[in-house]
Amino acid sequence: MTSKLLGILGGLFTIILWIILNFFNPYSNQFEAEPMLTTLFMLLLPACLAIFAALTTRPILLFIAFVWALPASLYLVLTPGVFALFGVSCVIYLISFLLMKFARSE
């Protein structure tokens, strides 16, 4: 149960951060499609996959979401400000995967 909750919360947290990054960030241009598409494929879609994986109890999908979001999350961890929290949500995917995997093996 904890692993499901962590996966869902991690995904929702990423979705909220993605909305802030693309629509409320004073340093980005909301009229450019390329940065939005890049972050959509590298951050938003893995978040949706993590939520789906948590709801359906499929740990391998959580691991795929973690690996998929890892490059963009590592890049954003090195930036100053709130967007470094993308790294936290990526680690939450990994923790949820591990909890789900160990609970399944017991």
PDB file of N, CA and C in Angstrom:
ATOM      1  N   MET A   1       0.826  -1.201   0.000  1.00  0.00           N
ATOM      2  CA  MET A   1       0.000   0.000   0.000  1.00  0.00           C
ATOM      3  C   MET A   1       0.865   1.258   0.000  1.00  0.00           C
ATOM      4  N   THR A   2       1.943   1.246   0.782  1.00  0.00           N
ATOM      5  CA  THR A   2       2.835   2.404   0.835  1.00  0.00           C
ATOM      6  C   THR A   2       3.503   2.633  -0.508  1.00  0.00           C
ATOM      7  N   SER A   3       3.866   1.547  -1.183  1.00  0.00           N
ATOM      8  CA  SER A   3       4.522   1.684  -2.483  1.00  0.00           C
ATOM      9  C   SER A   3       3.577   2.297  -3.506  1.00  0.00           C
ATOM     10  N   LYS A   4       2.307   1.905  -3.468  1.00  0.00           N
ATOM     11  CA  LYS A   4       1.326   2.486  -4.389  1.00  0.00           C
ATOM     12  C   LYS A   4       1.164   3.980  -4.125  1.00  0.00           C
ATOM     13  N   LEU A   5       1.033   4.325  -2.853  1.00  0.00           N
ATOM     14  CA  LEU A   5       0.846   5.726  -2.487  1.00  0.00           C
ATOM     15  C   LEU A   5       2.048   6.569  -2.896  1.00  0.00           C
ATOM     16  N   LEU A   6       3.247   6.048  -2.667  1.00  0.00           N
ATOM     17  CA  LEU A   6       4.457   6.776  -3.064  1.00  0.00           C
ATOM     18  C   LEU A   6       4.519   6.970  -4.573  1.00  0.00           C
ATOM     19  N   GLY A   7       4.196   5.942  -5.337  1.00  0.00           N
ATOM     20  CA  GLY A   7       4.214   6.051  -6.791  1.00  0.00           C
ATOM     21  C   GLY A   7       3.225   7.078  -7.302  1.00  0.00           C
ATOM     22  N   ILE A   8       2.034   7.069  -6.745  1.00  0.00           N
ATOM     23  CA  ILE A   8       1.006   8.024  -7.169  1.00  0.00           C
ATOM     24  C   ILE A   8       1.403   9.442  -6.776  1.00  0.00           C
ATOM     25  N   LEU A   9       1.855   9.627  -5.537  1.00  0.00           N
ATOM     26  CA  LEU A   9       2.254  10.966  -5.087  1.00  0.00           C
ATOM     27  C   LEU A   9       3.461  11.486  -5.857  1.00  0.00           C
ATOM     28  N   GLY A  10       4.421  10.610  -6.157  1.00  0.00           N
ATOM     29  CA  GLY A  10       5.578  11.020  -6.949  1.00  0.00           C
ATOM     30  C   GLY A  10       5.169  11.477  -8.338  1.00  0.00           C
ATOM     31  N   GLY A  11       4.258  10.741  -8.962  1.00  0.00           N
ATOM     32  CA  GLY A  11       3.764  11.128 -10.278  1.00  0.00           C
ATOM     33  C   GLY A  11       2.992  12.435 -10.253  1.00  0.00           C
ATOM     34  N   LEU A  12       2.125  12.597  -9.266  1.00  0.00           N
ATOM     35  CA  LEU A  12       1.358  13.846  -9.160  1.00  0.00           C
ATOM     36  C   LEU A  12       2.266  15.035  -8.866  1.00  0.00           C
ATOM     37  N   PHE A  13       3.266  14.821  -8.030  1.00  0.00           N
ATOM     38  CA  PHE A  13       4.232  15.875  -7.717  1.00  0.00           C
ATOM     39  C   PHE A  13       4.977  16.309  -8.977  1.00  0.00           C
ATOM     40  N   THR A  14       5.363  15.343  -9.806  1.00  0.00           N
ATOM     41  CA  THR A  14       6.050  15.661 -11.054  1.00  0.00           C
ATOM     42  C   THR A  14       5.137  16.420 -12.002  1.00  0.00           C
ATOM     43  N   ILE A  15       3.878  16.031 -12.081  1.00  0.00           N
ATOM     44  CA  ILE A  15       2.935  16.721 -12.966  1.00  0.00           C
ATOM     45  C   ILE A  15       2.765  18.171 -12.529  1.00  0.00           C
ATOM     46  N   ILE A  16       2.650  18.409 -11.234  1.00  0.00           N
ATOM     47  CA  ILE A  16       2.520  19.783 -10.731  1.00  0.00           C
ATOM     48  C   ILE A  16       3.775  20.589 -11.041  1.00  0.00           C
ATOM     49  N   LEU A  17       4.946  19.993 -10.811  1.00  0.00           N
ATOM     50  CA  LEU A  17       6.198  20.692 -11.134  1.00  0.00           C
ATOM     51  C   LEU A  17       6.315  20.964 -12.630  1.00  0.00           C
ATOM     52  N   TRP A  18       5.874  20.030 -13.467  1.00  0.00           N
ATOM     53  CA  TRP A  18       5.932  20.219 -14.916  1.00  0.00           C
ATOM     54  C   TRP A  18       5.048  21.386 -15.348  1.00  0.00           C
ATOM     55  N   ILE A  19       3.860  21.496 -14.763  1.00  0.00           N
ATOM     56  CA  ILE A  19       2.962  22.615 -15.085  1.00  0.00           C
ATOM     57  C   ILE A  19       3.614  23.933 -14.685  1.00  0.00           C
ATOM     58  N   ILE A  20       4.212  23.984 -13.512  1.00  0.00           N
ATOM     59  CA  ILE A  20       4.905  25.204 -13.073  1.00  0.00           C
ATOM     60  C   ILE A  20       6.068  25.520 -13.999  1.00  0.00           C
ATOM     61  N   LEU A  21       6.835  24.505 -14.379  1.00  0.00           N
ATOM     62  CA  LEU A  21       7.993  24.700 -15.250  1.00  0.00           C
ATOM     63  C   LEU A  21       7.599  25.267 -16.603  1.00  0.00           C
ATOM     64  N   ASN A  22       6.505  24.802 -17.164  1.00  0.00           N
ATOM     65  CA  ASN A  22       6.148  25.194 -18.522  1.00  0.00           C
ATOM     66  C   ASN A  22       5.193  26.375 -18.617  1.00  0.00           C
ATOM     67  N   PHE A  23       4.372  26.614 -17.615  1.00  0.00           N
ATOM     68  CA  PHE A  23       3.365  27.655 -17.744  1.00  0.00           C
ATOM     69  C   PHE A  23       3.535  28.823 -16.772  1.00  0.00           C
ATOM     70  N   PHE A  24       4.260  28.646 -15.688  1.00  0.00           N
ATOM     71  CA  PHE A  24       4.404  29.711 -14.704  1.00  0.00           C
ATOM     72  C   PHE A  24       5.854  30.077 -14.430  1.00  0.00           C
ATOM     73  N   ASN A  25       6.758  29.657 -15.280  1.00  0.00           N
ATOM     74  CA  ASN A  25       8.178  29.930 -15.117  1.00  0.00           C
ATOM     75  C   ASN A  25       8.508  31.263 -15.790  1.00  0.00           C
ATOM     76  N   PRO A  26       8.973  32.256 -15.038  1.00  0.00           N
ATOM     77  CA  PRO A  26       9.265  33.560 -15.656  1.00  0.00           C
ATOM     78  C   PRO A  26      10.461  33.522 -16.603  1.00  0.00           C
ATOM     79  N   TYR A  27      11.260  32.468 -16.562  1.00  0.00           N
ATOM     80  CA  TYR A  27      12.451  32.385 -17.406  1.00  0.00           C
ATOM     81  C   TYR A  27      12.217  31.604 -18.693  1.00  0.00           C
ATOM     82  N   SER A  28      11.013  31.121 -18.905  1.00  0.00           N
ATOM     83  CA  SER A  28      10.736  30.374 -20.133  1.00  0.00           C
ATOM     84  C   SER A  28       9.722  31.127 -20.980  1.00  0.00           C
ATOM     85  N   ASN A  29       9.753  30.838 -22.253  1.00  0.00           N
ATOM     86  CA  ASN A  29       8.814  31.422 -23.197  1.00  0.00           C
ATOM     87  C   ASN A  29       7.707  30.398 -23.437  1.00  0.00           C
ATOM     88  N   GLN A  30       6.488  30.751 -23.054  1.00  0.00           N
ATOM     89  CA  GLN A  30       5.376  29.816 -23.176  1.00  0.00           C
ATOM     90  C   GLN A  30       4.970  29.569 -24.626  1.00  0.00           C
ATOM     91  N   PHE A  31       5.485  30.376 -25.562  1.00  0.00           N
ATOM     92  CA  PHE A  31       5.091  30.244 -26.959  1.00  0.00           C
ATOM     93  C   PHE A  31       6.035  29.351 -27.754  1.00  0.00           C
ATOM     94  N   GLU A  32       7.096  28.870 -27.135  1.00  0.00           N
ATOM     95  CA  GLU A  32       8.004  27.942 -27.800  1.00  0.00           C
ATOM     96  C   GLU A  32       7.562  26.515 -27.500  1.00  0.00           C
ATOM     97  N   ALA A  33       7.367  25.745 -28.550  1.00  0.00           N
ATOM     98  CA  ALA A  33       6.859  24.381 -28.371  1.00  0.00           C
ATOM     99  C   ALA A  33       7.964  23.379 -28.053  1.00  0.00           C
ATOM    100  N   GLU A  34       9.173  23.619 -28.529  1.00  0.00           N
ATOM    101  CA  GLU A  34      10.238  22.616 -28.379  1.00  0.00           C
ATOM    102  C   GLU A  34      10.585  22.303 -26.922  1.00  0.00           C
ATOM    103  N   PRO A  35      10.826  23.303 -26.062  1.00  0.00           N
ATOM    104  CA  PRO A  35      11.122  22.948 -24.657  1.00  0.00           C
ATOM    105  C   PRO A  35       9.954  22.241 -23.967  1.00  0.00           C
ATOM    106  N   MET A  36       8.731  22.637 -24.324  1.00  0.00           N
ATOM    107  CA  MET A  36       7.569  22.004 -23.718  1.00  0.00           C
ATOM    108  C   MET A  36       7.458  20.542 -24.161  1.00  0.00           C
ATOM    109  N   LEU A  37       7.707  20.284 -25.435  1.00  0.00           N
ATOM    110  CA  LEU A  37       7.648  18.905 -25.925  1.00  0.00           C
ATOM    111  C   LEU A  37       8.755  18.046 -25.323  1.00  0.00           C
ATOM    112  N   THR A  38       9.936  18.627 -25.192  1.00  0.00           N
ATOM    113  CA  THR A  38      11.048  17.880 -24.599  1.00  0.00           C
ATOM    114  C   THR A  38      10.730  17.477 -23.167  1.00  0.00           C
ATOM    115  N   THR A  39      10.249  18.427 -22.377  1.00  0.00           N
ATOM    116  CA  THR A  39       9.926  18.102 -20.987  1.00  0.00           C
ATOM    117  C   THR A  39       8.681  17.219 -20.889  1.00  0.00           C
ATOM    118  N   LEU A  40       7.787  17.325 -21.867  1.00  0.00           N
ATOM    119  CA  LEU A  40       6.623  16.444 -21.879  1.00  0.00           C
ATOM    120  C   LEU A  40       7.070  14.991 -22.015  1.00  0.00           C
ATOM    121  N   PHE A  41       7.988  14.738 -22.957  1.00  0.00           N
ATOM    122  CA  PHE A  41       8.451  13.364 -23.178  1.00  0.00           C
ATOM    123  C   PHE A  41       9.411  12.881 -22.098  1.00  0.00           C
ATOM    124  N   MET A  42      10.156  13.787 -21.475  1.00  0.00           N
ATOM    125  CA  MET A  42      11.171  13.369 -20.505  1.00  0.00           C
ATOM    126  C   MET A  42      10.699  13.420 -19.047  1.00  0.00           C
ATOM    127  N   LEU A  43       9.636  14.157 -18.766  1.00  0.00           N
ATOM    128  CA  LEU A  43       9.183  14.284 -17.375  1.00  0.00           C
ATOM    129  C   LEU A  43       7.703  13.938 -17.184  1.00  0.00           C
ATOM    130  N   LEU A  44       6.836  14.461 -18.057  1.00  0.00           N
ATOM    131  CA  LEU A  44       5.398  14.265 -17.855  1.00  0.00           C
ATOM    132  C   LEU A  44       4.956  12.838 -18.177  1.00  0.00           C
ATOM    133  N   LEU A  45       5.394  12.296 -19.300  1.00  0.00           N
ATOM    134  CA  LEU A  45       4.985  10.932 -19.648  1.00  0.00           C
ATOM    135  C   LEU A  45       5.499   9.885 -18.654  1.00  0.00           C
ATOM    136  N   PRO A  46       6.753   9.994 -18.168  1.00  0.00           N
ATOM    137  CA  PRO A  46       7.154   9.045 -17.116  1.00  0.00           C
ATOM    138  C   PRO A  46       6.321   9.180 -15.840  1.00  0.00           C
ATOM    139  N   ALA A  47       5.871  10.405 -15.534  1.00  0.00           N
ATOM    140  CA  ALA A  47       5.018  10.594 -14.354  1.00  0.00           C
ATOM    141  C   ALA A  47       3.686   9.877 -14.539  1.00  0.00           C
ATOM    142  N   CYS A  48       3.122   9.984 -15.732  1.00  0.00           N
ATOM    143  CA  CYS A  48       1.869   9.270 -16.013  1.00  0.00           C
ATOM    144  C   CYS A  48       2.077   7.761 -15.957  1.00  0.00           C
ATOM    145  N   LEU A  49       3.212   7.302 -16.473  1.00  0.00           N
ATOM    146  CA  LEU A  49       3.534   5.875 -16.409  1.00  0.00           C
ATOM    147  C   LEU A  49       3.700   5.420 -14.961  1.00  0.00           C
ATOM    148  N   ALA A  50       4.317   6.236 -14.132  1.00  0.00           N
ATOM    149  CA  ALA A  50       4.503   5.881 -12.720  1.00  0.00           C
ATOM    150  C   ALA A  50       3.157   5.779 -12.002  1.00  0.00           C
ATOM    151  N   ILE A  51       2.253   6.688 -12.293  1.00  0.00           N
ATOM    152  CA  ILE A  51       0.921   6.625 -11.679  1.00  0.00           C
ATOM    153  C   ILE A  51       0.198   5.362 -12.129  1.00  0.00           C
ATOM    154  N   PHE A  52       0.251   5.074 -13.425  1.00  0.00           N
ATOM    155  CA  PHE A  52      -0.379   3.859 -13.952  1.00  0.00           C
ATOM    156  C   PHE A  52       0.231   2.610 -13.320  1.00  0.00           C
ATOM    157  N   ALA A  53       1.550   2.592 -13.213  1.00  0.00           N
ATOM    158  CA  ALA A  53       2.242   1.435 -12.631  1.00  0.00           C
ATOM    159  C   ALA A  53       1.871   1.248 -11.166  1.00  0.00           C
ATOM    160  N   ALA A  54       1.736   2.344 -10.442  1.00  0.00           N
ATOM    161  CA  ALA A  54       1.372   2.246  -9.027  1.00  0.00           C
ATOM    162  C   ALA A  54      -0.067   1.755  -8.866  1.00  0.00           C
ATOM    163  N   LEU A  55      -0.953   2.229  -9.714  1.00  0.00           N
ATOM    164  CA  LEU A  55      -2.350   1.813  -9.614  1.00  0.00           C
ATOM    165  C   LEU A  55      -2.550   0.350  -9.998  1.00  0.00           C
ATOM    166  N   THR A  56      -1.746  -0.141 -10.930  1.00  0.00           N
ATOM    167  CA  THR A  56      -1.898  -1.521 -11.397  1.00  0.00           C
ATOM    168  C   THR A  56      -0.899  -2.482 -10.757  1.00  0.00           C
ATOM    169  N   THR A  57      -0.081  -1.991  -9.847  1.00  0.00           N
ATOM    170  CA  THR A  57       0.932  -2.783  -9.128  1.00  0.00           C
ATOM    171  C   THR A  57       1.859  -3.524 -10.099  1.00  0.00           C
ATOM    172  N   ARG A  58       2.488  -2.747 -10.969  1.00  0.00           N
ATOM    173  CA  ARG A  58       3.469  -3.301 -11.909  1.00  0.00           C
ATOM    174  C   ARG A  58       4.819  -2.639 -11.654  1.00  0.00           C
ATOM    175  N   PRO A  59       5.659  -3.270 -10.854  1.00  0.00           N
ATOM    176  CA  PRO A  59       6.925  -2.639 -10.463  1.00  0.00           C
ATOM    177  C   PRO A  59       7.872  -2.378 -11.630  1.00  0.00           C
ATOM    178  N   ILE A  60       7.850  -3.214 -12.658  1.00  0.00           N
ATOM    179  CA  ILE A  60       8.766  -3.002 -13.776  1.00  0.00           C
ATOM    180  C   ILE A  60       8.456  -1.686 -14.492  1.00  0.00           C
ATOM    181  N   LEU A  61       7.188  -1.304 -14.543  1.00  0.00           N
ATOM    182  CA  LEU A  61       6.827  -0.027 -15.163  1.00  0.00           C
ATOM    183  C   LEU A  61       7.317   1.150 -14.322  1.00  0.00           C
ATOM    184  N   LEU A  62       7.329   0.984 -13.009  1.00  0.00           N
ATOM    185  CA  LEU A  62       7.890   2.030 -12.150  1.00  0.00           C
ATOM    186  C   LEU A  62       9.385   2.185 -12.390  1.00  0.00           C
ATOM    187  N   PHE A  63      10.068   1.074 -12.578  1.00  0.00           N
ATOM    188  CA  PHE A  63      11.498   1.144 -12.866  1.00  0.00           C
ATOM    189  C   PHE A  63      11.747   1.794 -14.226  1.00  0.00           C
ATOM    190  N   ILE A  64      10.912   1.487 -15.203  1.00  0.00           N
ATOM    191  CA  ILE A  64      11.034   2.122 -16.521  1.00  0.00           C
ATOM    192  C   ILE A  64      10.807   3.624 -16.402  1.00  0.00           C
ATOM    193  N   ALA A  65       9.814   4.037 -15.611  1.00  0.00           N
ATOM    194  CA  ALA A  65       9.564   5.468 -15.405  1.00  0.00           C
ATOM    195  C   ALA A  65      10.763   6.136 -14.744  1.00  0.00           C
ATOM    196  N   PHE A  66      11.384   5.452 -13.792  1.00  0.00           N
ATOM    197  CA  PHE A  66      12.571   5.994 -13.129  1.00  0.00           C
ATOM    198  C   PHE A  66      13.710   6.191 -14.120  1.00  0.00           C
ATOM    199  N   VAL A  67      14.022   5.158 -14.893  1.00  0.00           N
ATOM    200  CA  VAL A  67      15.131   5.239 -15.853  1.00  0.00           C
ATOM    201  C   VAL A  67      14.834   6.272 -16.935  1.00  0.00           C
ATOM    202  N   TRP A  68      13.580   6.351 -17.354  1.00  0.00           N
ATOM    203  CA  TRP A  68      13.174   7.283 -18.401  1.00  0.00           C
ATOM    204  C   TRP A  68      13.329   8.731 -17.930  1.00  0.00           C
ATOM    205  N   ALA A  69      12.943   9.024 -16.703  1.00  0.00           N
ATOM    206  CA  ALA A  69      12.988  10.394 -16.188  1.00  0.00           C
ATOM    207  C   ALA A  69      14.347  10.775 -15.613  1.00  0.00           C
ATOM    208  N   LEU A  70      15.222   9.805 -15.419  1.00  0.00           N
ATOM    209  CA  LEU A  70      16.497  10.069 -14.751  1.00  0.00           C
ATOM    210  C   LEU A  70      17.375  11.113 -15.449  1.00  0.00           C
ATOM    211  N   PRO A  71      17.604  11.071 -16.760  1.00  0.00           N
ATOM    212  CA  PRO A  71      18.495  12.082 -17.367  1.00  0.00           C
ATOM    213  C   PRO A  71      18.005  13.518 -17.178  1.00  0.00           C
ATOM    214  N   ALA A  72      16.722  13.758 -17.433  1.00  0.00           N
ATOM    215  CA  ALA A  72      16.188  15.116 -17.274  1.00  0.00           C
ATOM    216  C   ALA A  72      16.176  15.523 -15.805  1.00  0.00           C
ATOM    217  N   SER A  73      15.876  14.585 -14.924  1.00  0.00           N
ATOM    218  CA  SER A  73      15.860  14.894 -13.492  1.00  0.00           C
ATOM    219  C   SER A  73      17.251  15.239 -12.982  1.00  0.00           C
ATOM    220  N   LEU A  74      18.255  14.492 -13.424  1.00  0.00           N
ATOM    221  CA  LEU A  74      19.630  14.804 -13.015  1.00  0.00           C
ATOM    222  C   LEU A  74      20.058  16.176 -13.519  1.00  0.00           C
ATOM    223  N   TYR A  75      19.658  16.516 -14.728  1.00  0.00           N
ATOM    224  CA  TYR A  75      19.970  17.835 -15.268  1.00  0.00           C
ATOM    225  C   TYR A  75      19.317  18.927 -14.421  1.00  0.00           C
ATOM    226  N   LEU A  76      18.057  18.734 -14.068  1.00  0.00           N
ATOM    227  CA  LEU A  76      17.333  19.755 -13.308  1.00  0.00           C
ATOM    228  C   LEU A  76      17.759  19.811 -11.844  1.00  0.00           C
ATOM    229  N   VAL A  77      18.312  18.726 -11.317  1.00  0.00           N
ATOM    230  CA  VAL A  77      18.828  18.746  -9.942  1.00  0.00           C
ATOM    231  C   VAL A  77      19.949  19.768  -9.813  1.00  0.00           C
ATOM    232  N   LEU A  78      20.698  19.955 -10.878  1.00  0.00           N
ATOM    233  CA  LEU A  78      21.841  20.870 -10.841  1.00  0.00           C
ATOM    234  C   LEU A  78      21.455  22.329 -11.048  1.00  0.00           C
ATOM    235  N   THR A  79      20.177  22.611 -11.230  1.00  0.00           N
ATOM    236  CA  THR A  79      19.735  23.989 -11.404  1.00  0.00           C
ATOM    237  C   THR A  79      19.314  24.566 -10.053  1.00  0.00           C
ATOM    238  N   PRO A  80      19.482  25.870  -9.873  1.00  0.00           N
ATOM    239  CA  PRO A  80      18.995  26.477  -8.631  1.00  0.00           C
ATOM    240  C   PRO A  80      17.475  26.633  -8.691  1.00  0.00           C
ATOM    241  N   GLY A  81      16.852  26.524  -7.576  1.00  0.00           N
ATOM    242  CA  GLY A  81      15.421  26.765  -7.522  1.00  0.00           C
ATOM    243  C   GLY A  81      14.599  25.507  -7.306  1.00  0.00           C
ATOM    244  N   VAL A  82      13.316  25.679  -7.503  1.00  0.00           N
ATOM    245  CA  VAL A  82      12.340  24.647  -7.178  1.00  0.00           C
ATOM    246  C   VAL A  82      12.417  23.460  -8.132  1.00  0.00           C
ATOM    247  N   PHE A  83      12.953  23.645  -9.321  1.00  0.00           N
ATOM    248  CA  PHE A  83      12.953  22.563 -10.304  1.00  0.00           C
ATOM    249  C   PHE A  83      13.964  21.475  -9.982  1.00  0.00           C
ATOM    250  N   ALA A  84      14.814  21.705  -9.010  1.00  0.00           N
ATOM    251  CA  ALA A  84      15.702  20.643  -8.529  1.00  0.00           C
ATOM    252  C   ALA A  84      14.894  19.529  -7.858  1.00  0.00           C
ATOM    253  N   LEU A  85      13.642  19.815  -7.513  1.00  0.00           N
ATOM    254  CA  LEU A  85      12.789  18.807  -6.883  1.00  0.00           C
ATOM    255  C   LEU A  85      12.368  17.704  -7.852  1.00  0.00           C
ATOM    256  N   PHE A  86      12.602  17.897  -9.147  1.00  0.00           N
ATOM    257  CA  PHE A  86      12.347  16.799 -10.086  1.00  0.00           C
ATOM    258  C   PHE A  86      13.203  15.588  -9.723  1.00  0.00           C
ATOM    259  N   GLY A  87      14.375  15.824  -9.177  1.00  0.00           N
ATOM    260  CA  GLY A  87      15.228  14.723  -8.738  1.00  0.00           C
ATOM    261  C   GLY A  87      14.605  13.945  -7.593  1.00  0.00           C
ATOM    262  N   VAL A  88      13.925  14.652  -6.703  1.00  0.00           N
ATOM    263  CA  VAL A  88      13.248  13.994  -5.575  1.00  0.00           C
ATOM    264  C   VAL A  88      12.136  13.083  -6.090  1.00  0.00           C
ATOM    265  N   SER A  89      11.361  13.580  -7.041  1.00  0.00           N
ATOM    266  CA  SER A  89      10.274  12.750  -7.560  1.00  0.00           C
ATOM    267  C   SER A  89      10.814  11.529  -8.296  1.00  0.00           C
ATOM    268  N   CYS A  90      11.941  11.672  -8.955  1.00  0.00           N
ATOM    269  CA  CYS A  90      12.556  10.531  -9.636  1.00  0.00           C
ATOM    270  C   CYS A  90      13.023   9.485  -8.621  1.00  0.00           C
ATOM    271  N   VAL A  91      13.583   9.928  -7.519  1.00  0.00           N
ATOM    272  CA  VAL A  91      14.001   9.000  -6.460  1.00  0.00           C
ATOM    273  C   VAL A  91      12.780   8.330  -5.826  1.00  0.00           C
ATOM    274  N   ILE A  92      11.675   9.043  -5.747  1.00  0.00           N
ATOM    275  CA  ILE A  92      10.439   8.453  -5.224  1.00  0.00           C
ATOM    276  C   ILE A  92       9.986   7.301  -6.116  1.00  0.00           C
ATOM    277  N   TYR A  93      10.146   7.439  -7.443  1.00  0.00           N
ATOM    278  CA  TYR A  93       9.822   6.324  -8.345  1.00  0.00           C
ATOM    279  C   TYR A  93      10.656   5.098  -7.986  1.00  0.00           C
ATOM    280  N   LEU A  94      11.942   5.317  -7.747  1.00  0.00           N
ATOM    281  CA  LEU A  94      12.839   4.202  -7.423  1.00  0.00           C
ATOM    282  C   LEU A  94      12.463   3.558  -6.091  1.00  0.00           C
ATOM    283  N   ILE A  95      12.185   4.368  -5.081  1.00  0.00           N
ATOM    284  CA  ILE A  95      11.798   3.835  -3.768  1.00  0.00           C
ATOM    285  C   ILE A  95      10.494   3.047  -3.875  1.00  0.00           C
ATOM    286  N   SER A  96       9.536   3.581  -4.618  1.00  0.00           N
ATOM    287  CA  SER A  96       8.268   2.882  -4.809  1.00  0.00           C
ATOM    288  C   SER A  96       8.482   1.554  -5.526  1.00  0.00           C
ATOM    289  N   PHE A  97       9.357   1.555  -6.530  1.00  0.00           N
ATOM    290  CA  PHE A  97       9.687   0.314  -7.237  1.00  0.00           C
ATOM    291  C   PHE A  97      10.280  -0.711  -6.274  1.00  0.00           C
ATOM    292  N   LEU A  98      11.250  -0.287  -5.469  1.00  0.00           N
ATOM    293  CA  LEU A  98      11.909  -1.219  -4.544  1.00  0.00           C
ATOM    294  C   LEU A  98      10.932  -1.769  -3.507  1.00  0.00           C
ATOM    295  N   LEU A  99      10.088  -0.905  -2.954  1.00  0.00           N
ATOM    296  CA  LEU A  99       9.094  -1.370  -1.981  1.00  0.00           C
ATOM    297  C   LEU A  99       8.128  -2.364  -2.611  1.00  0.00           C
ATOM    298  N   MET A 100       7.700  -2.066  -3.833  1.00  0.00           N
ATOM    299  CA  MET A 100       6.769  -2.951  -4.517  1.00  0.00           C
ATOM    300  C   MET A 100       7.432  -4.292  -4.859  1.00  0.00           C
ATOM    301  N   LYS A 101       8.673  -4.234  -5.272  1.00  0.00           N
ATOM    302  CA  LYS A 101       9.405  -5.449  -5.645  1.00  0.00           C
ATOM    303  C   LYS A 101       9.644  -6.340  -4.421  1.00  0.00           C
ATOM    304  N   PHE A 102      10.056  -5.737  -3.300  1.00  0.00           N
ATOM    305  CA  PHE A 102      10.300  -6.527  -2.094  1.00  0.00           C
ATOM    306  C   PHE A 102       9.000  -7.059  -1.494  1.00  0.00           C
ATOM    307  N   ALA A 103       7.924  -6.304  -1.594  1.00  0.00           N
ATOM    308  CA  ALA A 103       6.638  -6.776  -1.079  1.00  0.00           C
ATOM    309  C   ALA A 103       6.131  -7.948  -1.909  1.00  0.00           C
ATOM    310  N   ARG A 104       6.413  -7.927  -3.194  1.00  0.00           N
ATOM    311  CA  ARG A 104       5.962  -9.003  -4.074  1.00  0.00           C
ATOM    312  C   ARG A 104       6.769 -10.281  -3.846  1.00  0.00           C
ATOM    313  N   SER A 105       8.051 -10.130  -3.513  1.00  0.00           N
ATOM    314  CA  SER A 105       8.904 -11.308  -3.339  1.00  0.00           C
ATOM    315  C   SER A 105       8.692 -11.999  -1.991  1.00  0.00           C
ATOM    316  N   GLU A 106       8.052 -11.338  -1.051  1.00  0.00           N
ATOM    317  CA  GLU A 106       7.828 -11.937   0.281  1.00  0.00           C
ATOM    318  C   GLU A 106       6.668 -12.876   0.304  1.00  0.00           C
TER     319      GLU A 106
END
